Amino acid sequence: MDQQRVNTVSISADETDPREPSSRCDRCGKVGTIARARRHSEPPLVLRYCAECWPTAESELEMLQQEEQDRWRRSIRGRSSAGEKVTQPAPWTTTSRSWHDVLRFLDLIRRPPKGGRAPTSEDLASIASEIRATASEMAGDMPPAVADFIGRNSPPAA
């Protein structure tokens, strides 16, 4: 019998500024945060992170989300533990002013998905322009790899 398979993806963007100079990092307790993770559950969960903790916290949150999704998929396939009722996990959004995330994004666009189109030179110029325009909002100094990307992809000065 043919089984129909449906995959649903929902992407939400959080464009709000996550910098909160008087908030404590939920990982180390340091005052001054540059990243926020929000779980859209009831009640909502909001976690804040400093620049030093964000890369590790982000990885841990991504692993947690993957585990929750895997558990949910197993439950809808009838493979969950006896009597275990698993509901679809609440979605998360994250936002940061971390160069770590910019570097991850640049790595992703260097490797387009199989069958997907690579970014055009116009796409890359637009991305470089946006990164340059928001650089003053970022935590810390611009990494050389980001500066190199901007230099290679910025349109010539008029």
Protein backbone atom coordinates (compact mmCIF):
# COMPACT_ATOMS: atom_id res chain seq x y z
CA MET A 1 0.00 0.00 0.00
CA ASP A 2 1.31 3.42 -0.92
CA GLN A 3 1.86 5.67 2.07
CA GLN A 4 1.48 9.38 1.66
CA ARG A 5 4.19 11.34 3.38
CA VAL A 6 3.77 14.97 4.34
CA ASN A 7 6.55 17.16 5.65
CA THR A 8 5.73 20.56 7.02
CA VAL A 9 8.29 23.27 7.63
CA SER A 10 7.54 26.57 9.24
CA ILE A 11 10.14 29.31 9.46
CA SER A 12 9.57 32.32 11.64
CA ALA A 13 11.95 35.23 11.76
CA ASP A 14 12.50 37.27 14.88
CA GLU A 15 13.75 40.65 13.72
CA THR A 16 13.69 42.24 17.17
CA ASP A 17 16.95 43.36 18.74
CA PRO A 18 18.10 40.68 21.21
CA ARG A 19 20.69 42.91 22.90
CA GLU A 20 19.70 43.43 26.50
CA PRO A 21 22.47 45.17 28.45
CA SER A 22 20.82 44.63 31.86
CA SER A 23 19.68 41.00 31.37
CA ARG A 24 21.60 38.03 32.76
CA CYS A 25 22.84 35.19 30.58
CA ASP A 26 20.80 32.07 31.30
CA ARG A 27 23.94 29.95 30.98
CA CYS A 28 26.64 31.77 32.97
CA GLY A 29 24.84 34.63 34.72
CA LYS A 30 26.90 37.40 33.11
CA VAL A 31 25.02 40.70 32.72
CA GLY A 32 24.59 41.82 29.11
CA THR A 33 23.09 39.53 26.48
CA ILE A 34 23.28 39.48 22.69
CA ALA A 35 21.12 36.46 21.84
CA ARG A 36 17.64 35.25 22.62
CA ALA A 37 15.91 31.90 22.12
CA ARG A 38 12.14 31.82 22.42
CA ARG A 39 10.07 28.67 22.68
CA HIS A 40 6.54 29.38 21.51
CA SER A 41 4.91 27.17 24.13
CA GLU A 42 2.30 27.86 26.77
CA PRO A 43 3.69 29.42 28.84
CA PRO A 44 6.41 30.76 26.53
CA LEU A 45 10.04 30.19 27.44
CA VAL A 46 12.56 32.97 26.76
CA LEU A 47 16.27 32.35 27.24
CA ARG A 48 19.00 35.00 26.91
CA TYR A 49 22.70 34.49 26.29
CA CYS A 50 25.91 36.48 26.34
CA ALA A 51 28.32 36.48 23.38
CA GLU A 52 30.60 33.89 24.96
CA CYS A 53 27.83 31.39 25.75
CA TRP A 54 25.70 31.76 22.62
CA PRO A 55 27.52 29.39 20.21
CA THR A 56 27.41 26.47 22.68
CA ALA A 57 23.87 27.27 23.85
CA GLU A 58 22.66 27.47 20.26
CA SER A 59 24.15 24.04 19.48
CA GLU A 60 22.54 22.55 22.59
CA LEU A 61 19.15 24.05 21.71
CA GLU A 62 19.38 22.69 18.17
CA MET A 63 20.15 19.20 19.53
CA LEU A 64 17.20 19.46 21.94
CA GLN A 65 14.89 20.47 19.10
CA GLN A 66 16.13 17.57 16.96
CA GLU A 67 15.56 15.10 19.81
CA GLU A 68 12.03 16.44 20.35
CA GLN A 69 11.24 16.20 16.63
CA ASP A 70 12.63 12.65 16.47
CA ARG A 71 10.57 11.57 19.50
CA TRP A 72 7.44 13.11 17.96
CA ARG A 73 8.05 11.40 14.59
CA ARG A 74 8.52 8.03 16.31
CA SER A 75 5.28 8.54 18.22
CA ILE A 76 3.23 9.23 15.10
CA ARG A 77 4.71 6.13 13.50
CA GLY A 78 3.68 4.05 16.50
CA ARG A 79 7.22 3.48 17.73
CA SER A 80 7.06 5.42 20.98
CA SER A 81 7.35 3.80 24.40
CA ALA A 82 4.21 2.05 25.64
CA GLY A 83 1.65 4.58 26.74
CA GLU A 84 3.85 7.55 25.85
CA LYS A 85 1.79 10.39 24.41
CA VAL A 86 3.94 12.83 22.51
CA THR A 87 2.56 16.04 21.03
CA GLN A 88 4.23 18.01 18.29
CA PRO A 89 7.01 20.09 19.86
CA ALA A 90 6.48 23.82 20.23
CA PRO A 91 8.46 25.85 17.70
CA TRP A 92 11.47 27.98 18.61
CA THR A 93 12.84 31.23 17.21
CA THR A 94 16.28 32.61 17.85
CA THR A 95 17.90 35.93 17.17
CA SER A 96 21.34 37.22 17.93
CA ARG A 97 23.92 39.85 17.22
CA SER A 98 26.66 37.23 17.04
CA TRP A 99 29.28 36.97 14.32
CA HIS A 100 29.10 33.22 14.95
CA ASP A 101 25.65 33.19 13.31
CA VAL A 102 26.86 35.29 10.37
CA LEU A 103 29.69 32.81 9.78
CA ARG A 104 27.23 29.90 9.92
CA PHE A 105 24.98 31.66 7.41
CA LEU A 106 27.88 32.34 5.03
CA ASP A 107 28.86 28.67 5.27
CA LEU A 108 25.29 27.63 4.40
CA ILE A 109 25.07 29.81 1.31
CA ARG A 110 28.41 28.46 0.08
CA ARG A 111 26.78 25.01 -0.08
CA PRO A 112 23.34 25.32 -1.72
CA PRO A 113 20.97 22.39 -1.14
CA LYS A 114 21.14 19.52 -3.62
CA GLY A 115 19.15 20.60 -6.63
CA GLY A 116 18.90 24.17 -5.32
CA ARG A 117 20.29 27.18 -7.04
CA ALA A 118 23.43 28.89 -5.84
CA PRO A 119 23.13 32.56 -4.85
CA THR A 120 23.60 34.96 -7.74
CA SER A 121 26.18 37.74 -7.66
CA GLU A 122 23.26 40.12 -7.00
CA ASP A 123 22.18 37.98 -4.03
CA LEU A 124 25.73 38.00 -2.65
CA ALA A 125 26.04 41.77 -3.12
CA SER A 126 22.77 42.30 -1.25
CA ILE A 127 23.89 40.02 1.60
CA ALA A 128 27.26 41.80 1.80
CA SER A 129 25.49 45.16 1.91
CA GLU A 130 23.16 44.03 4.71
CA ILE A 131 26.02 42.61 6.78
CA ARG A 132 28.00 45.84 6.35
CA ALA A 133 24.94 47.94 7.32
CA THR A 134 24.37 45.98 10.56
CA ALA A 135 28.02 45.46 11.57
CA SER A 136 27.87 48.16 14.25
CA GLU A 137 25.09 46.21 16.03
CA MET A 138 27.15 43.03 16.28
CA ALA A 139 29.00 41.84 19.40
CA GLY A 140 32.76 42.12 18.98
CA ASP A 141 35.00 42.66 16.01
CA MET A 142 34.10 41.49 12.53
CA PRO A 143 35.86 38.19 11.77
CA PRO A 144 38.31 38.27 8.85
CA ALA A 145 36.20 35.74 6.90
CA VAL A 146 33.20 38.08 7.06
CA ALA A 147 35.29 41.10 6.03
CA ASP A 148 36.67 39.03 3.14
CA PHE A 149 33.14 38.06 2.03
CA ILE A 150 32.07 41.72 2.08
CA GLY A 151 35.18 42.76 0.15
CA ARG A 152 34.65 40.10 -2.53
CA ASN A 153 30.93 40.71 -2.96
CA SER A 154 30.40 44.45 -2.54
CA PRO A 155 29.61 46.37 -5.68
CA PRO A 156 32.33 48.73 -6.89
CA ALA A 157 32.15 52.25 -5.44
CA ALA A 158 30.35 54.68 -7.74
